[in-house]
């Protein structure tokens, strides 16, 4: 019979690693999705815009 600690450790070693890998891949690839180009460009150039631009 296995203890609760051993069961949780085995779960973390297998499924926890997989969950962390999937989370990392989603967050790392999120900026490269097709619809994000304009938002990424706006965020990258936001610091160069003046308050009076476009008025």
N, C-alpha and C. Protein backbone atom coordinates (compact mmCIF):
# COMPACT_ATOMS: atom_id res chain seq x y z
N UNK A 1 0.84 -1.18 0.00
CA UNK A 1 0.00 0.00 0.00
C UNK A 1 0.89 1.24 0.00
N UNK A 2 0.60 2.18 -0.88
CA UNK A 2 1.39 3.40 -1.01
C UNK A 2 0.82 4.50 -0.13
N UNK A 3 1.70 5.34 0.34
CA UNK A 3 1.25 6.46 1.16
C UNK A 3 0.72 7.58 0.26
N UNK A 4 0.05 8.51 0.87
CA UNK A 4 -0.49 9.65 0.13
C UNK A 4 0.64 10.47 -0.48
N UNK A 5 1.73 10.60 0.24
CA UNK A 5 2.88 11.35 -0.26
C UNK A 5 3.42 10.73 -1.53
N UNK A 6 3.59 9.42 -1.54
CA UNK A 6 4.12 8.75 -2.73
C UNK A 6 3.16 8.87 -3.91
N UNK A 7 1.88 8.79 -3.66
CA UNK A 7 0.90 8.93 -4.73
C UNK A 7 0.94 10.34 -5.32
N UNK A 8 0.97 11.37 -4.45
CA UNK A 8 1.02 12.74 -4.93
C UNK A 8 2.34 13.04 -5.64
N UNK A 9 3.43 12.45 -5.17
CA UNK A 9 4.72 12.66 -5.82
C UNK A 9 4.73 12.05 -7.21
N UNK A 10 4.18 10.86 -7.35
CA UNK A 10 4.12 10.23 -8.66
C UNK A 10 3.22 11.02 -9.60
N UNK A 11 2.11 11.53 -9.11
CA UNK A 11 1.21 12.35 -9.92
C UNK A 11 1.91 13.63 -10.38
N UNK A 12 2.64 14.27 -9.48
CA UNK A 12 3.35 15.49 -9.83
C UNK A 12 4.47 15.21 -10.82
N UNK A 13 5.15 14.08 -10.68
CA UNK A 13 6.24 13.73 -11.59
C UNK A 13 5.74 13.50 -13.00
N UNK A 14 4.57 12.95 -13.17
CA UNK A 14 4.09 12.63 -14.51
C UNK A 14 3.16 13.70 -15.05
N UNK A 15 2.00 13.86 -14.46
CA UNK A 15 0.99 14.78 -14.98
C UNK A 15 1.33 16.23 -14.69
N UNK A 16 2.01 16.49 -13.59
CA UNK A 16 2.42 17.86 -13.28
C UNK A 16 3.41 18.39 -14.29
N UNK A 17 4.36 17.54 -14.68
CA UNK A 17 5.33 17.95 -15.69
C UNK A 17 4.65 18.21 -17.02
N UNK A 18 3.71 17.38 -17.39
CA UNK A 18 2.97 17.57 -18.63
C UNK A 18 2.15 18.86 -18.59
N UNK A 19 1.51 19.14 -17.48
CA UNK A 19 0.72 20.36 -17.35
C UNK A 19 1.61 21.60 -17.44
N UNK A 20 2.78 21.56 -16.81
CA UNK A 20 3.70 22.70 -16.88
C UNK A 20 4.23 22.89 -18.29
N UNK A 21 4.50 21.81 -19.00
CA UNK A 21 4.99 21.90 -20.37
C UNK A 21 3.92 22.51 -21.29
N UNK A 22 2.69 22.06 -21.16
CA UNK A 22 1.60 22.60 -21.98
C UNK A 22 1.38 24.08 -21.68
N UNK A 23 1.41 24.44 -20.40
CA UNK A 23 1.23 25.84 -20.01
C UNK A 23 2.35 26.70 -20.58
N UNK A 24 3.59 26.22 -20.51
CA UNK A 24 4.72 26.96 -21.05
C UNK A 24 4.57 27.15 -22.56
N UNK A 25 4.21 26.11 -23.27
CA UNK A 25 4.07 26.21 -24.73
C UNK A 25 2.97 27.18 -25.13
N UNK A 26 1.84 27.13 -24.42
CA UNK A 26 0.75 28.06 -24.73
C UNK A 26 1.19 29.50 -24.49
N UNK A 27 1.84 29.77 -23.36
CA UNK A 27 2.25 31.14 -23.05
C UNK A 27 3.38 31.62 -23.96
N UNK A 28 4.27 30.72 -24.36
CA UNK A 28 5.38 31.10 -25.24
C UNK A 28 4.91 31.36 -26.66
N UNK A 29 3.88 30.65 -27.11
CA UNK A 29 3.41 30.80 -28.49
C UNK A 29 2.26 31.79 -28.63
N UNK A 30 1.68 32.25 -27.53
CA UNK A 30 0.53 33.15 -27.56
C UNK A 30 0.79 34.43 -28.38
N UNK A 31 1.94 35.10 -28.24
CA UNK A 31 2.16 36.33 -29.02
C UNK A 31 2.27 36.08 -30.53
N UNK A 32 2.50 34.86 -30.95
CA UNK A 32 2.70 34.56 -32.36
C UNK A 32 1.43 34.09 -33.07
N UNK A 33 0.29 34.17 -32.39
CA UNK A 33 -0.95 33.74 -33.04
C UNK A 33 -1.29 34.72 -34.16
N UNK A 34 -2.06 34.29 -35.14
CA UNK A 34 -2.29 35.11 -36.34
C UNK A 34 -2.90 36.48 -36.07
N UNK A 35 -3.84 36.62 -35.16
CA UNK A 35 -4.51 37.89 -34.95
C UNK A 35 -3.81 38.85 -34.02
N UNK A 36 -2.63 38.54 -33.55
CA UNK A 36 -1.98 39.34 -32.53
C UNK A 36 -0.96 40.34 -33.06
N UNK A 37 -0.72 40.36 -34.35
CA UNK A 37 0.34 41.21 -34.88
C UNK A 37 0.09 42.69 -34.61
N UNK A 38 -1.11 43.18 -34.84
CA UNK A 38 -1.40 44.59 -34.62
C UNK A 38 -1.30 44.95 -33.14
N UNK A 39 -1.84 44.11 -32.29
CA UNK A 39 -1.78 44.40 -30.84
C UNK A 39 -0.35 44.38 -30.33
N UNK A 40 0.47 43.46 -30.85
CA UNK A 40 1.88 43.40 -30.44
C UNK A 40 2.62 44.66 -30.90
N UNK A 41 2.34 45.09 -32.13
CA UNK A 41 3.00 46.30 -32.65
C UNK A 41 2.56 47.52 -31.84
N UNK A 42 1.28 47.63 -31.53
CA UNK A 42 0.79 48.76 -30.73
C UNK A 42 1.43 48.77 -29.34
N UNK A 43 1.57 47.61 -28.73
CA UNK A 43 2.18 47.53 -27.40
C UNK A 43 3.67 47.88 -27.46
N UNK A 44 4.34 47.49 -28.55
CA UNK A 44 5.77 47.75 -28.66
C UNK A 44 6.06 49.22 -28.92
N UNK A 45 5.16 49.93 -29.59
CA UNK A 45 5.42 51.34 -29.93
C UNK A 45 4.66 52.31 -29.03
N UNK A 46 3.95 51.83 -28.05
CA UNK A 46 3.13 52.69 -27.19
C UNK A 46 3.97 53.72 -26.44
N UNK A 47 5.17 53.39 -26.04
CA UNK A 47 5.99 54.32 -25.25
C UNK A 47 6.48 55.49 -26.08
N UNK A 48 6.44 55.39 -27.41
CA UNK A 48 6.91 56.46 -28.27
C UNK A 48 5.81 57.43 -28.67
N UNK A 49 4.57 57.13 -28.32
CA UNK A 49 3.45 57.99 -28.69
C UNK A 49 3.31 59.11 -27.68
N UNK A 50 2.99 60.28 -28.18
CA UNK A 50 2.78 61.45 -27.34
C UNK A 50 1.29 61.54 -27.00
N UNK A 51 0.98 62.25 -25.95
CA UNK A 51 -0.43 62.41 -25.57
C UNK A 51 -1.21 63.15 -26.65
N UNK A 52 -0.56 64.00 -27.41
CA UNK A 52 -1.22 64.83 -28.40
C UNK A 52 -1.25 64.20 -29.79
N UNK A 53 -0.72 63.02 -29.95
CA UNK A 53 -0.74 62.37 -31.26
C UNK A 53 -2.17 62.10 -31.69
N UNK A 54 -2.47 62.40 -32.92
CA UNK A 54 -3.77 62.11 -33.47
C UNK A 54 -4.82 63.15 -33.17
N UNK A 55 -4.47 64.24 -32.53
CA UNK A 55 -5.47 65.29 -32.23
C UNK A 55 -5.31 66.46 -33.15
